[in-house]
Structure formats: structure tokens, C-alpha cells
């Protein structure tokens, strides 16, 4: 399949989403939230730029299994798949799952799986070495029912001993720092903080940074 045909298919999924998905769409002008240079997709946030900022490549290896909570259109999963054993992306929006699977097929990636589910309802018989929580501990689309403690408890259950939680904050956590303090207190109960810094954020436009943490399960 040529790249322009892929773009046509992905654009059709965005159109279906705009027409049929009743919840908030995370992107500028209902386009792609995640960008992916590998397939010439410009999104609200470039996947490659994000991982340059995150600088977590030293944590990757070919024996690692990763879970991405709220994986959106799956470009973060597909990008990461090159460096690890397997990636599982969980996403409630079926149109984004279609985009992920279409791109996965186009790139002939075999070690990535996309599951259409709320994180609250997601179950797995295996444990993961790393879990991504990129601004997904709460959402503004009314699809999240966990409080923060419940959210972290499920992550702990899914993590291997000494597994890593790679955590990026909500934009709101930076705008109103007091909101993040109780979250940080919960995280410190269950994890060793390996890295704590701010990273650049391109979306939303009024928030230029987010809090970024690498956390090791105690």
C-alpha cells in the first residue's frame, strides 16, 4: 500500500470518529493527537519529539513487555515496538483502534496488540515490565471512573516486581500545582522515584510543559 492510500484510510477513520464518537476528541481541529514521522502524519504532539524529550531509551530492551494506557491512535505503541519484546495498547475509542491496526498492518509490525476497552475493564493474564500513563489518570470525556488511588492500584497489579511506570501528568496538574500534590503522595507510597522532571508539551497550546516521572514499583 502506498503512503497516500494509508493516509486516505486513516482520514476516513477520523471522519467516522467525528461523525459518530459522542465524546471529546483529543486533537487540534479533530485531526490526529499523536503525530508519527515514520508515516508522515503531523499531529498535535509528535511521537518522535516526545520520546526525545522523555529520553527513556536506556530502559528499553528486547525482553521488555509494555502496556500503554489510553494509547490513542497507537503511534506511541508502534514507535516503541522497535525497541522491546511486545507492546499492548488499551484504548476505549474504536476509531482510534482502527487507525492503530491499519498503521500496524502498513508497517508490518507483529509485536503490538491493540485492545478496545476502558482501562477499568481491561484484564490480562500477564504482567508488564513497563506501563505508560501519558496523561491518562483522568480524562475530560467522562469515560474514566477510577479515582487516582484505584488507577494506581490497577497499575501495580499489572506491573512485574520492580516494574516501571512511565508517567506524564495532565496539563491541569501543571497549571494548578496543588492538584498534583496528593497524586505525588500516592505515587511515593508505592514507587521509588528514579526520574522527576518537566518535559515540553505542544498541546494544549496554553500549557508548554508537563510533569514527567520514571517510577519503579517497590
N, C-alpha and C. Protein backbone atom coordinates (compact mmCIF):
# COMPACT_ATOMS: atom_id res chain seq x y z
N UNK A 1 0.84 -1.19 0.00
CA UNK A 1 0.00 0.00 0.00
C UNK A 1 0.89 1.25 0.00
N UNK A 2 0.58 2.20 -0.85
CA UNK A 2 1.32 3.44 -0.88
C UNK A 2 0.87 4.34 0.28
N UNK A 3 1.78 5.27 0.64
CA UNK A 3 1.52 6.10 1.81
C UNK A 3 0.26 6.95 1.66
N UNK A 4 0.00 7.44 0.45
CA UNK A 4 -1.19 8.28 0.27
C UNK A 4 -2.47 7.48 0.45
N UNK A 5 -2.43 6.18 0.11
CA UNK A 5 -3.61 5.33 0.34
C UNK A 5 -3.82 5.10 1.83
N UNK A 6 -2.72 4.91 2.56
CA UNK A 6 -2.82 4.78 4.02
C UNK A 6 -3.43 6.05 4.61
N UNK A 7 -2.93 7.20 4.20
CA UNK A 7 -3.46 8.47 4.71
C UNK A 7 -4.95 8.59 4.43
N UNK A 8 -5.37 8.15 3.25
CA UNK A 8 -6.79 8.21 2.91
C UNK A 8 -7.62 7.35 3.85
N UNK A 9 -7.14 6.15 4.15
CA UNK A 9 -7.85 5.28 5.08
C UNK A 9 -7.91 5.88 6.48
N UNK A 10 -6.78 6.40 6.95
CA UNK A 10 -6.74 6.99 8.30
C UNK A 10 -7.64 8.22 8.38
N UNK A 11 -7.65 9.02 7.33
CA UNK A 11 -8.53 10.21 7.31
C UNK A 11 -10.00 9.80 7.36
N UNK A 12 -10.33 8.69 6.71
CA UNK A 12 -11.71 8.20 6.76
C UNK A 12 -12.10 7.77 8.17
N UNK A 13 -11.15 7.17 8.90
CA UNK A 13 -11.44 6.80 10.29
C UNK A 13 -11.66 8.04 11.14
N UNK A 14 -10.88 9.09 10.89
CA UNK A 14 -11.08 10.35 11.61
C UNK A 14 -12.46 10.93 11.30
N UNK A 15 -12.87 10.81 10.05
CA UNK A 15 -14.19 11.31 9.65
C UNK A 15 -15.29 10.52 10.36
N UNK A 16 -15.14 9.20 10.40
CA UNK A 16 -16.11 8.37 11.12
C UNK A 16 -16.16 8.74 12.59
N UNK A 17 -15.00 8.98 13.17
CA UNK A 17 -14.93 9.37 14.57
C UNK A 17 -15.67 10.68 14.80
N UNK A 18 -15.42 11.66 13.93
CA UNK A 18 -16.06 12.98 14.07
C UNK A 18 -17.58 12.88 13.97
N UNK A 19 -18.04 11.96 13.13
CA UNK A 19 -19.48 11.82 12.91
C UNK A 19 -20.18 10.96 13.96
N UNK A 20 -19.44 10.02 14.57
CA UNK A 20 -20.10 9.02 15.40
C UNK A 20 -19.64 8.93 16.85
N UNK A 21 -18.45 9.44 17.17
CA UNK A 21 -17.95 9.32 18.53
C UNK A 21 -18.53 10.45 19.38
N UNK A 22 -19.31 10.13 20.42
CA UNK A 22 -20.04 11.16 21.15
C UNK A 22 -19.22 11.91 22.20
N UNK A 23 -17.97 11.52 22.38
CA UNK A 23 -17.16 12.08 23.44
C UNK A 23 -16.12 13.07 22.90
N UNK A 24 -15.42 13.70 23.82
CA UNK A 24 -14.39 14.67 23.46
C UNK A 24 -13.31 14.01 22.60
N UNK A 25 -12.84 14.73 21.58
CA UNK A 25 -11.77 14.24 20.71
C UNK A 25 -10.51 15.03 21.02
N UNK A 26 -9.46 14.31 21.41
CA UNK A 26 -8.22 14.94 21.84
C UNK A 26 -7.32 15.25 20.65
N UNK A 27 -7.48 16.43 20.08
CA UNK A 27 -6.63 16.86 18.97
C UNK A 27 -7.02 18.26 18.55
N UNK A 28 -6.14 18.87 17.79
CA UNK A 28 -6.46 20.16 17.19
C UNK A 28 -7.39 19.93 16.01
N UNK A 29 -8.52 20.62 16.03
CA UNK A 29 -9.46 20.58 14.91
C UNK A 29 -9.84 19.15 14.51
N UNK A 30 -9.90 18.25 15.52
CA UNK A 30 -10.34 16.87 15.32
C UNK A 30 -9.46 16.11 14.33
N UNK A 31 -8.19 16.44 14.30
CA UNK A 31 -7.23 15.70 13.50
C UNK A 31 -6.56 14.64 14.35
N UNK A 32 -5.28 14.42 14.13
CA UNK A 32 -4.52 13.44 14.90
C UNK A 32 -3.95 14.09 16.16
N UNK A 33 -4.14 13.44 17.30
CA UNK A 33 -3.48 13.90 18.53
C UNK A 33 -2.00 13.52 18.47
N UNK A 34 -1.71 12.28 18.13
CA UNK A 34 -0.34 11.82 18.01
C UNK A 34 0.14 11.99 16.57
N UNK A 35 1.33 12.56 16.42
CA UNK A 35 1.98 12.59 15.12
C UNK A 35 2.94 11.42 15.00
N UNK A 36 3.30 11.07 13.76
CA UNK A 36 4.20 9.94 13.54
C UNK A 36 4.99 10.21 12.27
N UNK A 37 6.23 10.64 12.44
CA UNK A 37 7.06 10.99 11.29
C UNK A 37 7.24 9.82 10.33
N UNK A 38 7.25 8.62 10.87
CA UNK A 38 7.51 7.43 10.06
C UNK A 38 6.49 7.27 8.94
N UNK A 39 5.27 7.77 9.14
CA UNK A 39 4.25 7.69 8.10
C UNK A 39 3.76 9.08 7.69
N UNK A 40 4.57 10.09 7.98
CA UNK A 40 4.28 11.48 7.56
C UNK A 40 2.95 12.00 8.09
N UNK A 41 2.66 11.67 9.34
CA UNK A 41 1.46 12.19 9.99
C UNK A 41 1.86 13.28 10.97
N UNK A 42 1.29 14.46 10.78
CA UNK A 42 1.52 15.56 11.72
C UNK A 42 0.34 15.60 12.69
N UNK A 43 0.62 15.51 13.97
CA UNK A 43 -0.43 15.54 14.97
C UNK A 43 -0.23 16.69 15.94
N UNK A 44 -1.11 16.75 16.94
CA UNK A 44 -0.97 17.78 17.96
C UNK A 44 0.33 17.62 18.74
N UNK A 45 0.80 16.36 18.88
CA UNK A 45 2.06 16.09 19.58
C UNK A 45 2.85 15.05 18.80
N UNK A 46 4.04 15.38 18.41
CA UNK A 46 4.89 14.47 17.65
C UNK A 46 5.39 13.34 18.54
N UNK A 47 5.19 12.10 18.13
CA UNK A 47 5.67 10.95 18.90
C UNK A 47 7.19 10.99 19.02
N UNK A 48 7.87 11.25 17.92
CA UNK A 48 9.34 11.26 17.95
C UNK A 48 9.87 12.36 18.87
N UNK A 49 9.28 13.54 18.80
CA UNK A 49 9.73 14.63 19.67
C UNK A 49 9.46 14.30 21.14
N UNK A 50 8.33 13.67 21.40
CA UNK A 50 8.02 13.29 22.78
C UNK A 50 9.08 12.35 23.35
N UNK A 51 9.48 11.37 22.56
CA UNK A 51 10.44 10.39 23.08
C UNK A 51 11.86 10.96 23.16
N UNK A 52 12.15 11.93 22.33
CA UNK A 52 13.41 12.65 22.51
C UNK A 52 13.41 13.38 23.85
N UNK A 53 12.28 14.00 24.17
CA UNK A 53 12.12 14.68 25.46
C UNK A 53 12.14 13.69 26.63
N UNK A 54 11.43 12.60 26.48
CA UNK A 54 11.35 11.61 27.57
C UNK A 54 12.72 10.98 27.85
N UNK A 55 13.47 10.70 26.79
CA UNK A 55 14.83 10.16 26.92
C UNK A 55 14.86 8.94 27.85
N UNK A 56 14.05 7.94 27.51
CA UNK A 56 13.97 6.73 28.33
C UNK A 56 14.48 5.50 27.58
N UNK A 57 15.25 5.71 26.55
CA UNK A 57 15.71 4.60 25.72
C UNK A 57 16.56 3.61 26.50
N UNK A 58 17.23 4.09 27.54
CA UNK A 58 18.08 3.19 28.33
C UNK A 58 17.27 2.17 29.13
N UNK A 59 15.97 2.40 29.25
CA UNK A 59 15.11 1.44 29.97
C UNK A 59 14.56 0.35 29.05
N UNK A 60 14.72 0.52 27.76
CA UNK A 60 14.19 -0.45 26.80
C UNK A 60 15.16 -1.60 26.60
N UNK A 61 14.60 -2.78 26.32
CA UNK A 61 15.39 -3.93 25.89
C UNK A 61 14.44 -4.93 25.24
N UNK A 62 15.01 -5.87 24.52
CA UNK A 62 14.21 -6.79 23.72
C UNK A 62 13.47 -7.85 24.54
N UNK A 63 13.62 -7.81 25.87
CA UNK A 63 12.85 -8.74 26.71
C UNK A 63 11.71 -8.04 27.45
N UNK A 64 11.49 -6.75 27.18
CA UNK A 64 10.51 -5.96 27.91
C UNK A 64 9.13 -6.03 27.25
N UNK A 65 8.10 -6.16 28.10
CA UNK A 65 6.71 -6.09 27.65
C UNK A 65 6.10 -4.79 28.20
N UNK A 66 5.47 -4.03 27.31
CA UNK A 66 4.95 -2.70 27.67
C UNK A 66 3.44 -2.65 27.50
N UNK A 67 2.79 -1.95 28.43
CA UNK A 67 1.37 -1.63 28.34
C UNK A 67 1.22 -0.12 28.23
N UNK A 68 0.45 0.33 27.25
CA UNK A 68 0.18 1.76 27.07
C UNK A 68 -1.30 2.02 27.38
N UNK A 69 -1.56 2.75 28.47
CA UNK A 69 -2.93 3.04 28.89
C UNK A 69 -3.46 4.23 28.11
N UNK A 70 -4.60 4.04 27.45
CA UNK A 70 -5.17 5.13 26.66
C UNK A 70 -4.26 5.45 25.49
N UNK A 71 -4.03 4.47 24.63
CA UNK A 71 -2.96 4.56 23.62
C UNK A 71 -3.31 5.45 22.44
N UNK A 72 -4.53 6.03 22.42
CA UNK A 72 -4.96 6.90 21.33
C UNK A 72 -4.86 6.13 20.01
N UNK A 73 -4.26 6.70 18.97
CA UNK A 73 -4.23 6.00 17.68
C UNK A 73 -3.06 5.02 17.56
N UNK A 74 -2.33 4.83 18.66
CA UNK A 74 -1.37 3.74 18.71
C UNK A 74 0.02 4.05 18.19
N UNK A 75 0.27 5.30 17.81
CA UNK A 75 1.58 5.61 17.23
C UNK A 75 2.71 5.50 18.25
N UNK A 76 2.43 5.81 19.52
CA UNK A 76 3.44 5.62 20.57
C UNK A 76 3.78 4.14 20.70
N UNK A 77 2.76 3.29 20.67
CA UNK A 77 3.00 1.83 20.75
C UNK A 77 3.84 1.35 19.57
N UNK A 78 3.49 1.78 18.37
CA UNK A 78 4.17 1.32 17.18
C UNK A 78 5.61 1.84 17.13
N UNK A 79 5.81 3.05 17.58
CA UNK A 79 7.16 3.60 17.66
C UNK A 79 8.01 2.79 18.65
N UNK A 80 7.43 2.50 19.81
CA UNK A 80 8.15 1.79 20.86
C UNK A 80 8.45 0.35 20.47
N UNK A 81 7.62 -0.24 19.63
CA UNK A 81 7.72 -1.67 19.33
C UNK A 81 9.10 -2.07 18.79
N UNK A 82 9.80 -1.13 18.20
CA UNK A 82 11.12 -1.41 17.64
C UNK A 82 12.14 -1.77 18.71
N UNK A 83 11.90 -1.31 19.94
CA UNK A 83 12.92 -1.40 20.99
C UNK A 83 12.66 -2.48 22.03
N UNK A 84 11.47 -3.11 21.99
CA UNK A 84 11.07 -4.01 23.07
C UNK A 84 10.50 -5.32 22.51
N UNK A 85 10.15 -6.23 23.42
CA UNK A 85 9.60 -7.52 23.01
C UNK A 85 8.17 -7.38 22.49
N UNK A 86 7.32 -6.68 23.25
CA UNK A 86 5.93 -6.53 22.83
C UNK A 86 5.32 -5.29 23.46
N UNK A 87 4.27 -4.79 22.80
CA UNK A 87 3.54 -3.62 23.30
C UNK A 87 2.05 -3.92 23.19
N UNK A 88 1.32 -3.63 24.26
CA UNK A 88 -0.14 -3.73 24.27
C UNK A 88 -0.72 -2.35 24.50
N UNK A 89 -1.58 -1.91 23.61
CA UNK A 89 -2.23 -0.61 23.77
C UNK A 89 -3.70 -0.80 24.08
N UNK A 90 -4.17 -0.08 25.10
CA UNK A 90 -5.58 -0.13 25.51
C UNK A 90 -6.21 1.22 25.23
N UNK A 91 -7.32 1.21 24.52
CA UNK A 91 -7.97 2.47 24.12
C UNK A 91 -9.47 2.25 23.98
N UNK A 92 -10.26 3.13 24.55
CA UNK A 92 -11.71 2.97 24.53
C UNK A 92 -12.34 3.36 23.19
N UNK A 93 -11.67 4.25 22.45
CA UNK A 93 -12.23 4.79 21.21
C UNK A 93 -11.99 3.82 20.05
N UNK A 94 -13.03 3.21 19.48
CA UNK A 94 -12.82 2.19 18.44
C UNK A 94 -12.25 2.75 17.15
N UNK A 95 -12.47 4.01 16.87
CA UNK A 95 -11.95 4.61 15.64
C UNK A 95 -10.44 4.79 15.73
N UNK A 96 -9.95 5.09 16.92
CA UNK A 96 -8.50 5.18 17.12
C UNK A 96 -7.85 3.80 17.04
N UNK A 97 -8.56 2.79 17.53
CA UNK A 97 -8.07 1.41 17.40
C UNK A 97 -7.94 1.02 15.93
N UNK A 98 -8.90 1.44 15.11
CA UNK A 98 -8.83 1.16 13.67
C UNK A 98 -7.60 1.82 13.05
N UNK A 99 -7.31 3.05 13.46
CA UNK A 99 -6.13 3.75 12.95
C UNK A 99 -4.86 3.00 13.35
N UNK A 100 -4.80 2.57 14.61
CA UNK A 100 -3.64 1.82 15.09
C UNK A 100 -3.42 0.53 14.32
N UNK A 101 -4.49 -0.21 14.13
CA UNK A 101 -4.37 -1.50 13.42
C UNK A 101 -4.04 -1.32 11.94
N UNK A 102 -4.60 -0.29 11.32
CA UNK A 102 -4.30 -0.02 9.91
C UNK A 102 -2.81 0.34 9.74
N UNK A 103 -2.30 1.16 10.65
CA UNK A 103 -0.90 1.57 10.58
C UNK A 103 0.02 0.40 10.91
N UNK A 104 -0.37 -0.39 11.88
CA UNK A 104 0.39 -1.60 12.24
C UNK A 104 0.53 -2.52 11.03
N UNK A 105 -0.55 -2.73 10.30
CA UNK A 105 -0.52 -3.59 9.12
C UNK A 105 0.37 -2.99 8.03
N UNK A 106 0.25 -1.68 7.83
CA UNK A 106 1.04 -1.00 6.81
C UNK A 106 2.54 -1.14 7.09
N UNK A 107 2.93 -1.06 8.37
CA UNK A 107 4.33 -1.12 8.76
C UNK A 107 4.82 -2.55 9.02
N UNK A 108 3.91 -3.53 8.88
CA UNK A 108 4.26 -4.94 9.11
C UNK A 108 4.84 -5.17 10.50
N UNK A 109 4.22 -4.57 11.49
CA UNK A 109 4.66 -4.73 12.88
C UNK A 109 3.85 -5.87 13.51
N UNK A 110 4.54 -6.83 14.09
CA UNK A 110 3.88 -8.03 14.59
C UNK A 110 3.87 -8.14 16.12
N UNK A 111 4.60 -7.27 16.81
CA UNK A 111 4.71 -7.43 18.27
C UNK A 111 3.87 -6.41 19.04
N UNK A 112 2.85 -5.88 18.38
CA UNK A 112 1.97 -4.89 19.01
C UNK A 112 0.52 -5.33 18.89
N UNK A 113 -0.22 -5.17 19.98
CA UNK A 113 -1.64 -5.53 20.01
C UNK A 113 -2.45 -4.35 20.54
N UNK A 114 -3.58 -4.08 19.90
CA UNK A 114 -4.47 -3.01 20.34
C UNK A 114 -5.77 -3.62 20.85
N UNK A 115 -6.19 -3.18 22.03
CA UNK A 115 -7.40 -3.70 22.67
C UNK A 115 -8.36 -2.54 22.91
N UNK A 116 -9.57 -2.68 22.40
CA UNK A 116 -10.59 -1.64 22.58
C UNK A 116 -11.31 -1.88 23.90
N UNK A 117 -10.98 -1.08 24.90
CA UNK A 117 -11.52 -1.29 26.24
C UNK A 117 -11.26 -0.06 27.11
N UNK A 118 -12.12 0.16 28.08
CA UNK A 118 -11.78 1.07 29.17
C UNK A 118 -10.67 0.43 29.99
N UNK A 119 -9.79 1.24 30.55
CA UNK A 119 -8.74 0.68 31.40
C UNK A 119 -9.36 -0.02 32.61
N UNK A 120 -10.45 0.51 33.12
CA UNK A 120 -11.12 -0.09 34.27
C UNK A 120 -11.55 -1.53 33.98
N UNK A 121 -11.87 -1.82 32.74
CA UNK A 121 -12.38 -3.14 32.35
C UNK A 121 -11.30 -4.03 31.73
N UNK A 122 -10.14 -3.49 31.50
CA UNK A 122 -9.06 -4.25 30.89
C UNK A 122 -8.54 -5.32 31.85
N UNK A 123 -8.31 -6.52 31.32
CA UNK A 123 -7.71 -7.58 32.13
C UNK A 123 -6.64 -8.28 31.32
N UNK A 124 -5.66 -8.82 32.01
CA UNK A 124 -4.56 -9.51 31.34
C UNK A 124 -4.03 -10.61 32.24
N UNK A 125 -3.69 -11.74 31.62
CA UNK A 125 -3.12 -12.85 32.37
C UNK A 125 -1.62 -12.67 32.59
N UNK A 126 -1.02 -11.71 31.90
CA UNK A 126 0.41 -11.47 32.04
C UNK A 126 0.68 -10.15 32.75
N UNK A 127 1.87 -10.04 33.29
CA UNK A 127 2.33 -8.81 33.93
C UNK A 127 3.27 -8.10 32.97
N UNK A 128 3.38 -6.79 33.14
CA UNK A 128 4.16 -5.97 32.23
C UNK A 128 5.40 -5.42 32.93
N UNK A 129 6.45 -5.23 32.15
CA UNK A 129 7.70 -4.67 32.68
C UNK A 129 7.65 -3.16 32.76
N UNK A 130 6.90 -2.55 31.85
CA UNK A 130 6.74 -1.10 31.83
C UNK A 130 5.30 -0.76 31.49
N UNK A 131 4.79 0.26 32.13
CA UNK A 131 3.45 0.76 31.81
C UNK A 131 3.55 2.25 31.54
N UNK A 132 2.97 2.67 30.41
CA UNK A 132 2.89 4.09 30.08
C UNK A 132 1.57 4.65 30.61
N UNK A 133 1.66 5.73 31.35
CA UNK A 133 0.49 6.52 31.71
C UNK A 133 0.76 7.95 31.28
N UNK A 134 0.40 8.25 30.04
CA UNK A 134 0.66 9.56 29.48
C UNK A 134 -0.62 10.38 29.52
N UNK A 135 -0.77 11.13 30.65
CA UNK A 135 -1.95 12.00 30.84
C UNK A 135 -3.25 11.22 30.75
N UNK A 136 -3.26 10.03 31.35
CA UNK A 136 -4.46 9.18 31.30
C UNK A 136 -5.00 8.78 32.66
N UNK A 137 -4.49 9.37 33.74
CA UNK A 137 -5.02 9.00 35.06
C UNK A 137 -6.41 9.57 35.28
N UNK A 138 -6.78 10.58 34.50
CA UNK A 138 -8.16 11.08 34.47
C UNK A 138 -8.40 11.66 33.09
N UNK A 139 -9.66 11.79 32.70
CA UNK A 139 -9.97 12.32 31.38
C UNK A 139 -11.12 13.31 31.49
N UNK A 140 -11.28 14.13 30.46
CA UNK A 140 -12.36 15.13 30.46
C UNK A 140 -13.54 14.69 29.61
N UNK A 141 -13.55 13.41 29.21
CA UNK A 141 -14.63 12.91 28.35
C UNK A 141 -15.64 12.04 29.10
N UNK A 142 -15.53 12.04 30.44
CA UNK A 142 -16.47 11.29 31.29
C UNK A 142 -16.36 9.78 31.13
N UNK A 143 -15.26 9.29 30.58
CA UNK A 143 -15.08 7.85 30.42
C UNK A 143 -14.22 7.22 31.49
N UNK A 144 -13.67 8.01 32.38
CA UNK A 144 -12.84 7.48 33.47
C UNK A 144 -13.65 7.45 34.76
N UNK A 145 -13.68 6.29 35.42
CA UNK A 145 -14.41 6.18 36.69
C UNK A 145 -13.49 5.93 37.87
N UNK A 146 -12.25 5.49 37.62
CA UNK A 146 -11.30 5.29 38.72
C UNK A 146 -10.93 6.63 39.36
N UNK A 147 -10.78 6.64 40.68
CA UNK A 147 -10.06 7.75 41.29
C UNK A 147 -8.57 7.43 41.17
N UNK A 148 -7.71 8.35 41.60
CA UNK A 148 -6.28 8.17 41.36
C UNK A 148 -5.72 6.95 42.09
N UNK A 149 -6.16 6.74 43.31
CA UNK A 149 -5.69 5.58 44.08
C UNK A 149 -6.09 4.28 43.39
N UNK A 150 -7.32 4.19 42.92
CA UNK A 150 -7.78 2.99 42.22
C UNK A 150 -6.99 2.78 40.93
N UNK A 151 -6.73 3.86 40.24
CA UNK A 151 -5.96 3.80 39.00
C UNK A 151 -4.57 3.24 39.26
N UNK A 152 -3.90 3.74 40.28
CA UNK A 152 -2.56 3.28 40.61
C UNK A 152 -2.57 1.84 41.11
N UNK A 153 -3.58 1.46 41.86
CA UNK A 153 -3.67 0.08 42.34
C UNK A 153 -3.77 -0.90 41.17
N UNK A 154 -4.52 -0.54 40.14
CA UNK A 154 -4.62 -1.44 38.99
C UNK A 154 -3.27 -1.52 38.26
N UNK A 155 -2.59 -0.40 38.14
CA UNK A 155 -1.26 -0.40 37.53
C UNK A 155 -0.31 -1.30 38.32
N UNK A 156 -0.34 -1.19 39.62
CA UNK A 156 0.52 -2.03 40.47
C UNK A 156 0.23 -3.51 40.25
N UNK A 157 -1.05 -3.85 40.11
CA UNK A 157 -1.43 -5.24 39.88
C UNK A 157 -0.87 -5.75 38.55
N UNK A 158 -0.81 -4.89 37.54
CA UNK A 158 -0.39 -5.29 36.21
C UNK A 158 1.13 -5.25 36.02
N UNK A 159 1.84 -4.62 36.95
CA UNK A 159 3.29 -4.47 36.83
C UNK A 159 4.04 -5.66 37.43
N UNK A 160 5.11 -6.04 36.76
CA UNK A 160 6.04 -7.01 37.34
C UNK A 160 6.70 -6.41 38.59
N UNK A 161 7.22 -7.25 39.49
CA UNK A 161 8.05 -6.73 40.59
C UNK A 161 9.18 -5.87 40.02
N UNK A 162 9.37 -4.71 40.62
CA UNK A 162 10.37 -3.75 40.15
C UNK A 162 10.09 -3.21 38.75
N UNK A 163 8.86 -3.39 38.29
CA UNK A 163 8.47 -2.83 37.00
C UNK A 163 8.43 -1.31 37.04
N UNK A 164 8.42 -0.70 35.87
CA UNK A 164 8.48 0.75 35.76
C UNK A 164 7.15 1.33 35.30
N UNK A 165 6.74 2.41 35.95
CA UNK A 165 5.63 3.24 35.49
C UNK A 165 6.23 4.50 34.89
N UNK A 166 5.96 4.74 33.61
CA UNK A 166 6.42 5.95 32.94
C UNK A 166 5.22 6.90 32.90
N UNK A 167 5.30 7.97 33.66
CA UNK A 167 4.12 8.79 33.97
C UNK A 167 4.30 10.22 33.47
N UNK A 168 3.35 10.66 32.65
CA UNK A 168 3.28 12.06 32.25
C UNK A 168 1.99 12.65 32.80
N UNK A 169 2.09 13.84 33.36
CA UNK A 169 0.96 14.43 34.06
C UNK A 169 -0.09 15.00 33.10
N UNK A 170 -1.25 15.27 33.65
CA UNK A 170 -2.26 16.05 32.97
C UNK A 170 -1.75 17.48 32.79
N UNK A 171 -2.24 18.17 31.79
CA UNK A 171 -1.93 19.58 31.63
C UNK A 171 -2.37 20.37 32.87
N UNK A 172 -3.53 20.00 33.41
CA UNK A 172 -4.09 20.70 34.57
C UNK A 172 -3.18 20.60 35.79
N UNK A 173 -2.43 19.50 35.89
CA UNK A 173 -1.52 19.30 37.03
C UNK A 173 -0.42 20.35 37.06
N UNK A 174 -0.08 20.89 35.90
CA UNK A 174 0.96 21.91 35.82
C UNK A 174 0.36 23.30 36.04
N UNK A 175 -0.83 23.51 35.51
CA UNK A 175 -1.50 24.80 35.65
C UNK A 175 -1.85 25.08 37.10
N UNK A 176 -2.32 24.04 37.81
CA UNK A 176 -2.69 24.16 39.22
C UNK A 176 -1.86 23.13 40.01
N UNK A 177 -0.64 23.48 40.41
CA UNK A 177 0.28 22.51 41.03
C UNK A 177 -0.28 21.81 42.26
N UNK A 178 -1.14 22.47 43.03
CA UNK A 178 -1.69 21.84 44.24
C UNK A 178 -2.50 20.59 43.91
N UNK A 179 -3.01 20.51 42.69
CA UNK A 179 -3.78 19.35 42.27
C UNK A 179 -2.89 18.11 42.21
N UNK A 180 -1.62 18.32 41.86
CA UNK A 180 -0.72 17.19 41.68
C UNK A 180 -0.14 16.67 43.00
N UNK A 181 -0.14 17.49 44.02
CA UNK A 181 0.48 17.11 45.29
C UNK A 181 -0.10 15.82 45.87
N UNK A 182 -1.42 15.66 46.00
CA UNK A 182 -1.93 14.38 46.54
C UNK A 182 -1.63 13.20 45.62
N UNK A 183 -1.56 13.43 44.33
CA UNK A 183 -1.17 12.35 43.42
C UNK A 183 0.27 11.93 43.71
N UNK A 184 1.13 12.91 43.91
CA UNK A 184 2.53 12.61 44.17
C UNK A 184 2.69 11.85 45.47
N UNK A 185 1.89 12.17 46.45
CA UNK A 185 1.96 11.47 47.74
C UNK A 185 1.57 10.00 47.57
N UNK A 186 0.59 9.73 46.74
CA UNK A 186 0.19 8.34 46.48
C UNK A 186 1.29 7.61 45.71
N UNK A 187 1.86 8.26 44.72
CA UNK A 187 2.93 7.63 43.94
C UNK A 187 4.14 7.30 44.82
N UNK A 188 4.46 8.18 45.74
CA UNK A 188 5.62 7.95 46.60
C UNK A 188 5.40 6.78 47.57
N UNK A 189 4.14 6.44 47.83
CA UNK A 189 3.85 5.29 48.70
C UNK A 189 4.23 3.97 48.04
N UNK A 190 4.07 3.92 46.74
CA UNK A 190 4.17 2.64 46.05
C UNK A 190 5.37 2.52 45.09
N UNK A 191 6.04 3.63 44.85
CA UNK A 191 7.11 3.63 43.86
C UNK A 191 8.35 4.35 44.38
N UNK A 192 9.48 3.93 43.86
CA UNK A 192 10.74 4.67 44.02
C UNK A 192 10.86 5.62 42.83
N UNK A 193 11.11 6.88 43.09
CA UNK A 193 11.22 7.86 42.01
C UNK A 193 12.62 7.81 41.43
N UNK A 194 12.71 7.37 40.18
CA UNK A 194 14.00 7.30 39.51
C UNK A 194 14.31 8.59 38.75
N UNK A 195 13.27 9.21 38.20
CA UNK A 195 13.43 10.48 37.49
C UNK A 195 12.20 11.34 37.74
N UNK A 196 12.44 12.64 37.91
CA UNK A 196 11.35 13.60 38.13
C UNK A 196 11.77 14.91 37.46
N UNK A 197 11.10 15.25 36.38
CA UNK A 197 11.46 16.46 35.64
C UNK A 197 10.26 16.93 34.82
N UNK A 198 10.40 18.05 34.18
CA UNK A 198 9.38 18.56 33.27
C UNK A 198 9.80 18.32 31.83
N UNK A 199 8.81 18.05 30.98
CA UNK A 199 9.07 17.87 29.55
C UNK A 199 8.19 18.84 28.76
N UNK A 200 8.64 19.16 27.57
CA UNK A 200 7.91 20.08 26.70
C UNK A 200 6.60 19.43 26.23
N UNK A 201 5.57 20.24 26.11
CA UNK A 201 4.28 19.77 25.61
C UNK A 201 3.76 20.74 24.56
N UNK A 202 3.33 20.21 23.43
CA UNK A 202 2.82 21.04 22.33
C UNK A 202 1.30 21.23 22.39
N UNK A 203 0.65 20.48 23.27
CA UNK A 203 -0.82 20.52 23.32
C UNK A 203 -1.29 20.28 24.74
N UNK A 204 -2.24 21.06 25.23
CA UNK A 204 -2.86 22.23 24.61
C UNK A 204 -1.88 23.41 24.53
N UNK A 205 -2.21 24.37 23.70
CA UNK A 205 -1.28 25.45 23.39
C UNK A 205 -0.93 26.30 24.61
N UNK A 206 -1.83 26.35 25.59
CA UNK A 206 -1.59 27.21 26.76
C UNK A 206 -0.78 26.52 27.85
N UNK A 207 -0.38 25.28 27.63
CA UNK A 207 0.44 24.55 28.61
C UNK A 207 1.70 24.05 27.89
N UNK A 208 2.83 24.64 28.20
CA UNK A 208 4.06 24.34 27.46
C UNK A 208 4.86 23.19 28.05
N UNK A 209 4.53 22.76 29.29
CA UNK A 209 5.27 21.69 29.94
C UNK A 209 4.33 20.76 30.70
N UNK A 210 4.81 19.54 30.91
CA UNK A 210 4.13 18.59 31.77
C UNK A 210 5.14 17.96 32.73
N UNK A 211 4.64 17.46 33.83
CA UNK A 211 5.50 16.75 34.78
C UNK A 211 5.74 15.35 34.25
N UNK A 212 6.99 14.90 34.34
CA UNK A 212 7.36 13.58 33.81
C UNK A 212 8.10 12.80 34.88
N UNK A 213 7.66 11.55 35.10
CA UNK A 213 8.23 10.70 36.15
C UNK A 213 8.56 9.32 35.61
N UNK A 214 9.69 8.79 36.05
CA UNK A 214 10.00 7.37 35.87
C UNK A 214 9.98 6.77 37.26
N UNK A 215 9.08 5.80 37.48
CA UNK A 215 8.81 5.27 38.82
C UNK A 215 9.01 3.76 38.83
N UNK A 216 9.71 3.28 39.82
CA UNK A 216 9.95 1.85 39.96
C UNK A 216 9.10 1.28 41.09
N UNK A 217 8.36 0.23 40.79
CA UNK A 217 7.50 -0.41 41.77
C UNK A 217 8.30 -0.92 42.96
N UNK A 218 7.85 -0.58 44.17
CA UNK A 218 8.55 -1.03 45.39
C UNK A 218 8.31 -2.52 45.63
